[in-house]
Amino acid sequence: MTAVRCQRWNEQLPLWQPGDVDGRFQSRSYTVAEIAHKPAREFVLTHHYSGSFPSATVCYGLVRGGSLVGVAVYSMPTQSAVLTNALPELRPNSESLELGRFVLLDPEPGNAESWFLARCHEQLLARGVVGVVSFSDPVPRTLADGRQVSPGHVGIIYQATNARYTGRSTAGVEWVLRDGVIVTRRAVQKVRSRDQGHGYVERLLTDRGAAPLQDGDDPKLWLTAALDAAGARAVRHAGKHRYVFQLGATARARAQVRVALPALPYPKQPDLPTC
């Protein structure tokens, strides 16, 4: 039987811990509490390979020995349809949220994440959230020098915690910068349309060598030049794996949270590298 390996992070590079086969995880050593967005942002930007932070609604911290060793960020996606397509009877950003980031540091033993996730769900339920949508990216990611920052994720932690697998998000193109940071299709559209959040995307590119967008510049033309200056690589993406959690104090309560998408077999292998 193949041993389960649990991914951890340290300064945006992945490390691995074996599953909890030897009882090393001791829940009494940990606490979980809501934390402010600022320390959550700093933690995620320091350690997660994406180098980005979502539009957070509530953040939870995993604390051991007085130190923050894990962060879960529950967020409002850029389009409410991300939530309502799966959970149409729930109010988005109130009764349903997206798990936008979930990061644990490398010293934490196997099974720490499943315990952390369960405690987050308990606290979300107490604030009226009964549905969570989360995505795993099955595409392996590498830096420009060939170092791998992500082997591709099929969502093992979600499978282990009985999430409902509902297929993939829409396929399309993403842009990967030299340092592995991903610029999504939605982020690109924010710049083109000058939608809310476009400034963050522009800073992402100017910090990596693009000239600032000036008054009078055509955003579409600027974006093409900025992506090139930032060393962006266009990557075809078959879509992320989508999981749905139905929250409730009992199995009956969880079953009453209607998911509009059919349950499908869990994926087992990451995609082949595309970049």
C-alpha atoms as a PDB file:
ATOM      1  CA  MET A   1       0.000   0.000   0.000  1.00  0.00           C
ATOM      2  CA  THR A   2       1.411   3.388  -0.997  1.00  0.00           C
ATOM      3  CA  ALA A   3       2.000   5.730   1.914  1.00  0.00           C
ATOM      4  CA  VAL A   4       0.074   8.990   1.851  1.00  0.00           C
ATOM      5  CA  ARG A   5       2.245  12.076   1.620  1.00  0.00           C
ATOM      6  CA  CYS A   6       1.042  15.446   2.866  1.00  0.00           C
ATOM      7  CA  GLN A   7       2.299  18.607   1.192  1.00  0.00           C
ATOM      8  CA  ARG A   8       3.798  21.392   3.282  1.00  0.00           C
ATOM      9  CA  TRP A   9       5.290  24.766   2.339  1.00  0.00           C
ATOM     10  CA  ASN A  10       8.340  26.810   3.263  1.00  0.00           C
ATOM     11  CA  GLU A  11       8.978  30.082   1.439  1.00  0.00           C
ATOM     12  CA  GLN A  12       6.969  28.998  -1.630  1.00  0.00           C
ATOM     13  CA  LEU A  13       8.800  25.684  -2.035  1.00  0.00           C
ATOM     14  CA  PRO A  14       7.007  22.373  -1.447  1.00  0.00           C
ATOM     15  CA  LEU A  15       8.060  19.775   1.094  1.00  0.00           C
ATOM     16  CA  TRP A  16       6.392  16.533   2.090  1.00  0.00           C
ATOM     17  CA  GLN A  17       5.399  14.807   5.294  1.00  0.00           C
ATOM     18  CA  PRO A  18       4.314  11.181   5.597  1.00  0.00           C
ATOM     19  CA  GLY A  19       0.745  10.450   6.625  1.00  0.00           C
ATOM     20  CA  ASP A  20       0.082   9.970  10.331  1.00  0.00           C
ATOM     21  CA  VAL A  21       1.085   6.310  10.453  1.00  0.00           C
ATOM     22  CA  ASP A  22       3.149   6.659  13.619  1.00  0.00           C
ATOM     23  CA  GLY A  23       0.849   8.836  15.720  1.00  0.00           C
ATOM     24  CA  ARG A  24       3.104  11.889  15.607  1.00  0.00           C
ATOM     25  CA  PHE A  25       0.225  14.328  15.248  1.00  0.00           C
ATOM     26  CA  GLN A  26      -1.037  15.430  18.675  1.00  0.00           C
ATOM     27  CA  SER A  27      -4.096  17.656  18.463  1.00  0.00           C
ATOM     28  CA  ARG A  28      -3.617  18.948  22.022  1.00  0.00           C
ATOM     29  CA  SER A  29      -0.535  20.822  20.787  1.00  0.00           C
ATOM     30  CA  TYR A  30      -2.629  22.972  18.433  1.00  0.00           C
ATOM     31  CA  THR A  31      -5.320  25.618  18.514  1.00  0.00           C
ATOM     32  CA  VAL A  32      -7.381  27.103  15.702  1.00  0.00           C
ATOM     33  CA  ALA A  33      -8.707  30.655  15.800  1.00  0.00           C
ATOM     34  CA  GLU A  34      -9.884  33.385  13.469  1.00  0.00           C
ATOM     35  CA  ILE A  35      -7.011  35.748  12.624  1.00  0.00           C
ATOM     36  CA  ALA A  36      -6.768  39.162  10.993  1.00  0.00           C
ATOM     37  CA  HIS A  37      -6.281  39.422   7.249  1.00  0.00           C
ATOM     38  CA  LYS A  38      -2.848  41.075   7.534  1.00  0.00           C
ATOM     39  CA  PRO A  39      -0.961  38.194   9.225  1.00  0.00           C
ATOM     40  CA  ALA A  40      -2.841  35.714   7.026  1.00  0.00           C
ATOM     41  CA  ARG A  41      -1.774  37.631   3.919  1.00  0.00           C
ATOM     42  CA  GLU A  42       1.854  37.808   5.059  1.00  0.00           C
ATOM     43  CA  PHE A  43       1.907  34.078   5.771  1.00  0.00           C
ATOM     44  CA  VAL A  44       0.344  33.117   2.438  1.00  0.00           C
ATOM     45  CA  LEU A  45       2.483  35.474   0.352  1.00  0.00           C
ATOM     46  CA  THR A  46       5.628  34.196   2.072  1.00  0.00           C
ATOM     47  CA  HIS A  47       4.932  30.497   1.760  1.00  0.00           C
ATOM     48  CA  HIS A  48       2.368  29.646  -0.951  1.00  0.00           C
ATOM     49  CA  TYR A  49       3.731  29.074  -4.449  1.00  0.00           C
ATOM     50  CA  SER A  50       1.017  31.198  -6.102  1.00  0.00           C
ATOM     51  CA  GLY A  51       2.431  34.396  -4.575  1.00  0.00           C
ATOM     52  CA  SER A  52      -1.082  35.809  -4.360  1.00  0.00           C
ATOM     53  CA  PHE A  53      -3.811  36.339  -1.784  1.00  0.00           C
ATOM     54  CA  PRO A  54      -7.558  36.084  -2.507  1.00  0.00           C
ATOM     55  CA  SER A  55     -10.320  38.471  -1.497  1.00  0.00           C
ATOM     56  CA  ALA A  56     -10.612  37.151   2.042  1.00  0.00           C
ATOM     57  CA  THR A  57     -13.844  37.015   4.013  1.00  0.00           C
ATOM     58  CA  VAL A  58     -12.543  35.154   7.066  1.00  0.00           C
ATOM     59  CA  CYS A  59      -9.129  33.665   7.879  1.00  0.00           C
ATOM     60  CA  TYR A  60      -8.218  30.970  10.389  1.00  0.00           C
ATOM     61  CA  GLY A  61      -4.817  30.257  11.844  1.00  0.00           C
ATOM     62  CA  LEU A  62      -3.343  26.986  13.045  1.00  0.00           C
ATOM     63  CA  VAL A  63      -1.182  27.778  16.079  1.00  0.00           C
ATOM     64  CA  ARG A  64       1.383  25.552  17.790  1.00  0.00           C
ATOM     65  CA  GLY A  65       3.512  26.753  20.673  1.00  0.00           C
ATOM     66  CA  GLY A  66       2.399  30.329  20.152  1.00  0.00           C
ATOM     67  CA  SER A  67       3.511  30.345  16.499  1.00  0.00           C
ATOM     68  CA  LEU A  68       1.396  30.477  13.385  1.00  0.00           C
ATOM     69  CA  VAL A  69       2.056  27.277  11.433  1.00  0.00           C
ATOM     70  CA  GLY A  70      -0.932  27.169   9.067  1.00  0.00           C
ATOM     71  CA  VAL A  71      -3.518  29.440   7.477  1.00  0.00           C
ATOM     72  CA  ALA A  72      -6.887  28.813   5.850  1.00  0.00           C
ATOM     73  CA  VAL A  73      -8.386  31.674   3.848  1.00  0.00           C
ATOM     74  CA  TYR A  74     -12.092  31.576   3.051  1.00  0.00           C
ATOM     75  CA  SER A  75     -12.907  34.061   0.343  1.00  0.00           C
ATOM     76  CA  MET A  76     -15.440  35.475  -2.079  1.00  0.00           C
ATOM     77  CA  PRO A  77     -14.503  34.409  -5.603  1.00  0.00           C
ATOM     78  CA  THR A  78     -14.277  36.946  -8.407  1.00  0.00           C
ATOM     79  CA  GLN A  79     -17.604  35.670  -9.748  1.00  0.00           C
ATOM     80  CA  SER A  80     -20.413  34.576  -7.437  1.00  0.00           C
ATOM     81  CA  ALA A  81     -21.314  31.868  -9.966  1.00  0.00           C
ATOM     82  CA  VAL A  82     -18.325  29.904  -8.644  1.00  0.00           C
ATOM     83  CA  LEU A  83     -20.464  29.352  -5.548  1.00  0.00           C
ATOM     84  CA  THR A  84     -23.996  29.498  -6.899  1.00  0.00           C
ATOM     85  CA  ASN A  85     -23.387  26.980  -9.705  1.00  0.00           C
ATOM     86  CA  ALA A  86     -22.650  24.356  -7.058  1.00  0.00           C
ATOM     87  CA  LEU A  87     -24.747  25.696  -4.177  1.00  0.00           C
ATOM     88  CA  PRO A  88     -27.659  27.597  -5.768  1.00  0.00           C
ATOM     89  CA  GLU A  89     -29.830  27.753  -2.645  1.00  0.00           C
ATOM     90  CA  LEU A  90     -27.180  29.429  -0.476  1.00  0.00           C
ATOM     91  CA  ARG A  91     -26.363  33.135  -0.275  1.00  0.00           C
ATOM     92  CA  PRO A  92     -22.813  33.598  -1.629  1.00  0.00           C
ATOM     93  CA  ASN A  93     -20.299  35.125   0.774  1.00  0.00           C
ATOM     94  CA  SER A  94     -22.733  34.567   3.616  1.00  0.00           C
ATOM     95  CA  GLU A  95     -23.937  30.971   3.623  1.00  0.00           C
ATOM     96  CA  SER A  96     -21.305  29.789   1.148  1.00  0.00           C
ATOM     97  CA  LEU A  97     -17.611  30.627   0.682  1.00  0.00           C
ATOM     98  CA  GLU A  98     -14.619  29.499  -1.324  1.00  0.00           C
ATOM     99  CA  LEU A  99     -11.577  28.007   0.395  1.00  0.00           C
ATOM    100  CA  GLY A 100      -9.119  30.251  -1.412  1.00  0.00           C
ATOM    101  CA  ARG A 101      -5.854  29.226   0.293  1.00  0.00           C
ATOM    102  CA  PHE A 102      -4.858  26.402   2.637  1.00  0.00           C
ATOM    103  CA  VAL A 103      -1.209  26.370   3.709  1.00  0.00           C
ATOM    104  CA  LEU A 104       0.729  24.498   6.420  1.00  0.00           C
ATOM    105  CA  LEU A 105       4.436  24.792   7.176  1.00  0.00           C
ATOM    106  CA  ASP A 106       6.786  21.880   6.586  1.00  0.00           C
ATOM    107  CA  PRO A 107       7.451  20.739  10.215  1.00  0.00           C
ATOM    108  CA  GLU A 108       3.785  19.884  10.817  1.00  0.00           C
ATOM    109  CA  PRO A 109       3.127  16.118  10.833  1.00  0.00           C
ATOM    110  CA  GLY A 110       0.764  14.206   8.605  1.00  0.00           C
ATOM    111  CA  ASN A 111      -2.972  14.565   9.357  1.00  0.00           C
ATOM    112  CA  ALA A 112      -2.536  18.061  10.770  1.00  0.00           C
ATOM    113  CA  GLU A 113      -4.369  19.488   7.769  1.00  0.00           C
ATOM    114  CA  SER A 114      -7.450  17.260   8.089  1.00  0.00           C
ATOM    115  CA  TRP A 115      -7.764  18.208  11.764  1.00  0.00           C
ATOM    116  CA  PHE A 116      -7.243  21.903  10.930  1.00  0.00           C
ATOM    117  CA  LEU A 117      -9.831  21.766   8.152  1.00  0.00           C
ATOM    118  CA  ALA A 118     -12.396  20.127  10.449  1.00  0.00           C
ATOM    119  CA  ARG A 119     -11.915  22.850  13.077  1.00  0.00           C
ATOM    120  CA  CYS A 120     -12.328  25.547  10.405  1.00  0.00           C
ATOM    121  CA  HIS A 121     -15.579  23.940   9.309  1.00  0.00           C
ATOM    122  CA  GLU A 122     -16.864  23.960  12.891  1.00  0.00           C
ATOM    123  CA  GLN A 123     -16.155  27.680  13.201  1.00  0.00           C
ATOM    124  CA  LEU A 124     -17.638  28.449   9.783  1.00  0.00           C
ATOM    125  CA  LEU A 125     -20.812  26.592  10.735  1.00  0.00           C
ATOM    126  CA  ALA A 126     -21.080  28.690  13.899  1.00  0.00           C
ATOM    127  CA  ARG A 127     -21.153  31.836  11.736  1.00  0.00           C
ATOM    128  CA  GLY A 128     -23.829  30.459   9.404  1.00  0.00           C
ATOM    129  CA  VAL A 129     -21.720  29.074   6.564  1.00  0.00           C
ATOM    130  CA  VAL A 130     -23.051  25.694   5.411  1.00  0.00           C
ATOM    131  CA  GLY A 131     -21.349  25.276   2.023  1.00  0.00           C
ATOM    132  CA  VAL A 132     -17.721  25.567   0.898  1.00  0.00           C
ATOM    133  CA  VAL A 133     -16.294  25.244  -2.602  1.00  0.00           C
ATOM    134  CA  SER A 134     -12.603  24.544  -3.051  1.00  0.00           C
ATOM    135  CA  PHE A 135     -10.338  23.906  -6.017  1.00  0.00           C
ATOM    136  CA  SER A 136      -7.156  21.925  -6.504  1.00  0.00           C
ATOM    137  CA  ASP A 137      -4.810  22.651  -9.381  1.00  0.00           C
ATOM    138  CA  PRO A 138      -3.671  19.408 -11.038  1.00  0.00           C
ATOM    139  CA  VAL A 139      -1.124  21.097 -13.330  1.00  0.00           C
ATOM    140  CA  PRO A 140       2.529  20.798 -12.205  1.00  0.00           C
ATOM    141  CA  ARG A 141       4.259  24.179 -11.832  1.00  0.00           C
ATOM    142  CA  THR A 142       7.922  24.999 -12.399  1.00  0.00           C
ATOM    143  CA  LEU A 143      10.042  28.120 -12.141  1.00  0.00           C
ATOM    144  CA  ALA A 144      11.935  29.473 -15.137  1.00  0.00           C
ATOM    145  CA  ASP A 145      15.054  27.622 -13.940  1.00  0.00           C
ATOM    146  CA  GLY A 146      13.210  24.304 -13.939  1.00  0.00           C
ATOM    147  CA  ARG A 147      12.651  23.951 -10.185  1.00  0.00           C
ATOM    148  CA  GLN A 148       9.266  22.473  -9.369  1.00  0.00           C
ATOM    149  CA  VAL A 149       7.094  24.516  -6.998  1.00  0.00           C
ATOM    150  CA  SER A 150       4.026  22.307  -7.285  1.00  0.00           C
ATOM    151  CA  PRO A 151       3.716  18.724  -8.513  1.00  0.00           C
ATOM    152  CA  GLY A 152       0.038  19.181  -9.345  1.00  0.00           C
ATOM    153  CA  HIS A 153      -2.734  18.511  -6.839  1.00  0.00           C
ATOM    154  CA  VAL A 154      -5.737  16.245  -7.232  1.00  0.00           C
ATOM    155  CA  GLY A 155      -7.213  17.299  -3.861  1.00  0.00           C
ATOM    156  CA  ILE A 156      -6.158  14.405  -1.631  1.00  0.00           C
ATOM    157  CA  ILE A 157      -6.967  16.344   1.562  1.00  0.00           C
ATOM    158  CA  TYR A 158     -10.490  17.067   0.260  1.00  0.00           C
ATOM    159  CA  GLN A 159     -10.985  13.446  -0.681  1.00  0.00           C
ATOM    160  CA  ALA A 160      -9.771  12.349   2.760  1.00  0.00           C
ATOM    161  CA  THR A 161     -12.314  14.654   4.403  1.00  0.00           C
ATOM    162  CA  ASN A 162     -15.250  13.390   2.292  1.00  0.00           C
ATOM    163  CA  ALA A 163     -15.746  16.404   0.051  1.00  0.00           C
ATOM    164  CA  ARG A 164     -17.973  15.930  -2.977  1.00  0.00           C
ATOM    165  CA  TYR A 165     -16.009  15.970  -6.261  1.00  0.00           C
ATOM    166  CA  THR A 166     -17.976  17.740  -8.991  1.00  0.00           C
ATOM    167  CA  GLY A 167     -15.606  17.848 -11.962  1.00  0.00           C
ATOM    168  CA  ARG A 168     -13.444  20.613 -13.391  1.00  0.00           C
ATOM    169  CA  SER A 169     -13.763  24.330 -13.774  1.00  0.00           C
ATOM    170  CA  THR A 170     -13.751  25.827 -17.279  1.00  0.00           C
ATOM    171  CA  ALA A 171     -10.655  25.128 -19.370  1.00  0.00           C
ATOM    172  CA  GLY A 172      -8.632  28.011 -20.774  1.00  0.00           C
ATOM    173  CA  VAL A 173      -5.303  29.833 -20.734  1.00  0.00           C
ATOM    174  CA  GLU A 174      -3.300  31.098 -17.750  1.00  0.00           C
ATOM    175  CA  TRP A 175      -0.016  32.981 -17.621  1.00  0.00           C
ATOM    176  CA  VAL A 176       2.860  31.805 -15.430  1.00  0.00           C
ATOM    177  CA  LEU A 177       5.523  34.361 -14.465  1.00  0.00           C
ATOM    178  CA  ARG A 178       9.232  33.629 -14.047  1.00  0.00           C
ATOM    179  CA  ASP A 179       8.890  33.036 -10.303  1.00  0.00           C
ATOM    180  CA  GLY A 180       5.914  30.688 -10.676  1.00  0.00           C
ATOM    181  CA  VAL A 181       3.230  33.255  -9.830  1.00  0.00           C
ATOM    182  CA  ILE A 182       0.056  32.600 -11.810  1.00  0.00           C
ATOM    183  CA  VAL A 183      -1.923  35.309 -13.602  1.00  0.00           C
ATOM    184  CA  THR A 184      -5.394  33.914 -14.181  1.00  0.00           C
ATOM    185  CA  ARG A 185      -7.783  34.690 -17.013  1.00  0.00           C
ATOM    186  CA  ARG A 186      -9.932  36.644 -14.572  1.00  0.00           C
ATOM    187  CA  ALA A 187      -6.944  38.717 -13.447  1.00  0.00           C
ATOM    188  CA  VAL A 188      -6.130  39.578 -17.055  1.00  0.00           C
ATOM    189  CA  GLN A 189      -9.732  40.577 -17.689  1.00  0.00           C
ATOM    190  CA  LYS A 190      -9.637  42.925 -14.684  1.00  0.00           C
ATOM    191  CA  VAL A 191      -6.847  44.900 -16.355  1.00  0.00           C
ATOM    192  CA  ARG A 192      -8.497  44.948 -19.770  1.00  0.00           C
ATOM    193  CA  SER A 193     -11.823  46.132 -18.353  1.00  0.00           C
ATOM    194  CA  ARG A 194     -10.399  48.229 -15.487  1.00  0.00           C
ATOM    195  CA  ASP A 195     -12.511  46.194 -13.069  1.00  0.00           C
ATOM    196  CA  GLN A 196     -12.084  46.279  -9.305  1.00  0.00           C
ATOM    197  CA  GLY A 197      -8.747  44.732  -8.378  1.00  0.00           C
ATOM    198  CA  HIS A 198      -6.932  45.720 -11.582  1.00  0.00           C
ATOM    199  CA  GLY A 199      -4.363  47.697  -9.578  1.00  0.00           C
ATOM    200  CA  TYR A 200      -3.144  44.589  -7.797  1.00  0.00           C
ATOM    201  CA  VAL A 201      -2.611  42.781 -11.101  1.00  0.00           C
ATOM    202  CA  GLU A 202      -0.776  45.772 -12.546  1.00  0.00           C
ATOM    203  CA  ARG A 203       1.542  45.910  -9.517  1.00  0.00           C
ATOM    204  CA  LEU A 204       2.170  42.191  -9.883  1.00  0.00           C
ATOM    205  CA  LEU A 205       3.523  42.824 -13.374  1.00  0.00           C
ATOM    206  CA  THR A 206       5.396  46.057 -12.707  1.00  0.00           C
ATOM    207  CA  ASP A 207       7.156  44.453  -9.748  1.00  0.00           C
ATOM    208  CA  ARG A 208       8.496  41.922 -12.257  1.00  0.00           C
ATOM    209  CA  GLY A 209       9.791  44.318 -14.880  1.00  0.00           C
ATOM    210  CA  ALA A 210       6.804  45.799 -16.713  1.00  0.00           C
ATOM    211  CA  ALA A 211       6.563  49.555 -17.242  1.00  0.00           C
ATOM    212  CA  PRO A 212       3.767  51.214 -15.232  1.00  0.00           C
ATOM    213  CA  LEU A 213       0.451  51.811 -16.934  1.00  0.00           C
ATOM    214  CA  GLN A 214       0.178  55.528 -17.692  1.00  0.00           C
ATOM    215  CA  ASP A 215      -2.873  57.719 -18.120  1.00  0.00           C
ATOM    216  CA  GLY A 216      -3.980  57.495 -21.732  1.00  0.00           C
ATOM    217  CA  ASP A 217      -2.447  54.046 -22.306  1.00  0.00           C
ATOM    218  CA  ASP A 218      -4.637  51.414 -23.894  1.00  0.00           C
ATOM    219  CA  PRO A 219      -4.953  48.756 -21.143  1.00  0.00           C
ATOM    220  CA  LYS A 220      -5.153  45.928 -23.679  1.00  0.00           C
ATOM    221  CA  LEU A 221      -1.961  46.992 -25.475  1.00  0.00           C
ATOM    222  CA  TRP A 222      -0.211  47.658 -22.157  1.00  0.00           C
ATOM    223  CA  LEU A 223      -1.171  44.218 -20.857  1.00  0.00           C
ATOM    224  CA  THR A 224       0.361  42.437 -23.861  1.00  0.00           C
ATOM    225  CA  ALA A 225       3.667  44.297 -23.376  1.00  0.00           C
ATOM    226  CA  ALA A 226       3.573  43.906 -19.581  1.00  0.00           C
ATOM    227  CA  LEU A 227       3.098  40.144 -19.695  1.00  0.00           C
ATOM    228  CA  ASP A 228       6.022  39.879 -22.097  1.00  0.00           C
ATOM    229  CA  ALA A 229       8.233  42.097 -19.908  1.00  0.00           C
ATOM    230  CA  ALA A 230       7.347  40.038 -16.823  1.00  0.00           C
ATOM    231  CA  GLY A 231       8.406  36.844 -18.586  1.00  0.00           C
ATOM    232  CA  ALA A 232       4.913  35.356 -18.676  1.00  0.00           C
ATOM    233  CA  ARG A 233       4.372  31.990 -20.332  1.00  0.00           C
ATOM    234  CA  ALA A 234       0.931  31.202 -21.722  1.00  0.00           C
ATOM    235  CA  VAL A 235      -0.223  27.788 -20.492  1.00  0.00           C
ATOM    236  CA  ARG A 236      -3.256  25.811 -21.555  1.00  0.00           C
ATOM    237  CA  HIS A 237      -5.179  24.638 -18.513  1.00  0.00           C
ATOM    238  CA  ALA A 238      -7.770  21.857 -18.587  1.00  0.00           C
ATOM    239  CA  GLY A 239      -9.531  23.276 -15.554  1.00  0.00           C
ATOM    240  CA  LYS A 240      -9.075  22.885 -11.805  1.00  0.00           C
ATOM    241  CA  HIS A 241     -10.688  20.106  -9.817  1.00  0.00           C
ATOM    242  CA  ARG A 242     -13.728  21.385  -7.900  1.00  0.00           C
ATOM    243  CA  TYR A 243     -14.809  20.034  -4.514  1.00  0.00           C
ATOM    244  CA  VAL A 244     -17.841  20.948  -2.410  1.00  0.00           C
ATOM    245  CA  PHE A 245     -18.216  20.618   1.366  1.00  0.00           C
ATOM    246  CA  GLN A 246     -21.689  20.399   2.893  1.00  0.00           C
ATOM    247  CA  LEU A 247     -21.428  21.595   6.502  1.00  0.00           C
ATOM    248  CA  GLY A 248     -23.694  20.612   9.345  1.00  0.00           C
ATOM    249  CA  ALA A 249     -23.641  19.276  12.880  1.00  0.00           C
ATOM    250  CA  THR A 250     -25.205  15.980  11.791  1.00  0.00           C
ATOM    251  CA  ALA A 251     -25.214  13.821   8.667  1.00  0.00           C
ATOM    252  CA  ARG A 252     -28.859  14.723   8.127  1.00  0.00           C
ATOM    253  CA  ALA A 253     -28.098  18.446   8.304  1.00  0.00           C
ATOM    254  CA  ARG A 254     -25.245  18.061   5.843  1.00  0.00           C
ATOM    255  CA  ALA A 255     -27.448  16.127   3.445  1.00  0.00           C
ATOM    256  CA  GLN A 256     -29.953  18.980   3.437  1.00  0.00           C
ATOM    257  CA  VAL A 257     -27.379  21.307   1.840  1.00  0.00           C
ATOM    258  CA  ARG A 258     -28.254  20.780  -1.821  1.00  0.00           C
ATOM    259  CA  VAL A 259     -25.433  20.525  -4.324  1.00  0.00           C
ATOM    260  CA  ALA A 260     -26.612  21.142  -7.879  1.00  0.00           C
ATOM    261  CA  LEU A 261     -23.677  19.353  -9.521  1.00  0.00           C
ATOM    262  CA  PRO A 262     -23.429  15.553  -9.692  1.00  0.00           C
ATOM    263  CA  ALA A 263     -20.894  13.673  -7.582  1.00  0.00           C
ATOM    264  CA  LEU A 264     -18.144  12.126  -9.694  1.00  0.00           C
ATOM    265  CA  PRO A 265     -15.330   9.651  -8.941  1.00  0.00           C
ATOM    266  CA  TYR A 266     -12.297  11.187  -7.269  1.00  0.00           C
ATOM    267  CA  PRO A 267      -9.363  11.970  -9.604  1.00  0.00           C
ATOM    268  CA  LYS A 268      -6.160  10.111  -8.725  1.00  0.00           C
ATOM    269  CA  GLN A 269      -3.392  11.485 -10.940  1.00  0.00           C
ATOM    270  CA  PRO A 270      -2.183  15.050 -11.647  1.00  0.00           C
ATOM    271  CA  ASP A 271      -2.149  16.345 -15.200  1.00  0.00           C
ATOM    272  CA  LEU A 272       0.896  16.072 -17.399  1.00  0.00           C
ATOM    273  CA  PRO A 273       3.175  19.149 -17.278  1.00  0.00           C
ATOM    274  CA  THR A 274       2.268  21.890 -19.712  1.00  0.00           C
ATOM    275  CA  CYS A 275       5.140  24.281 -19.055  1.00  0.00           C
END
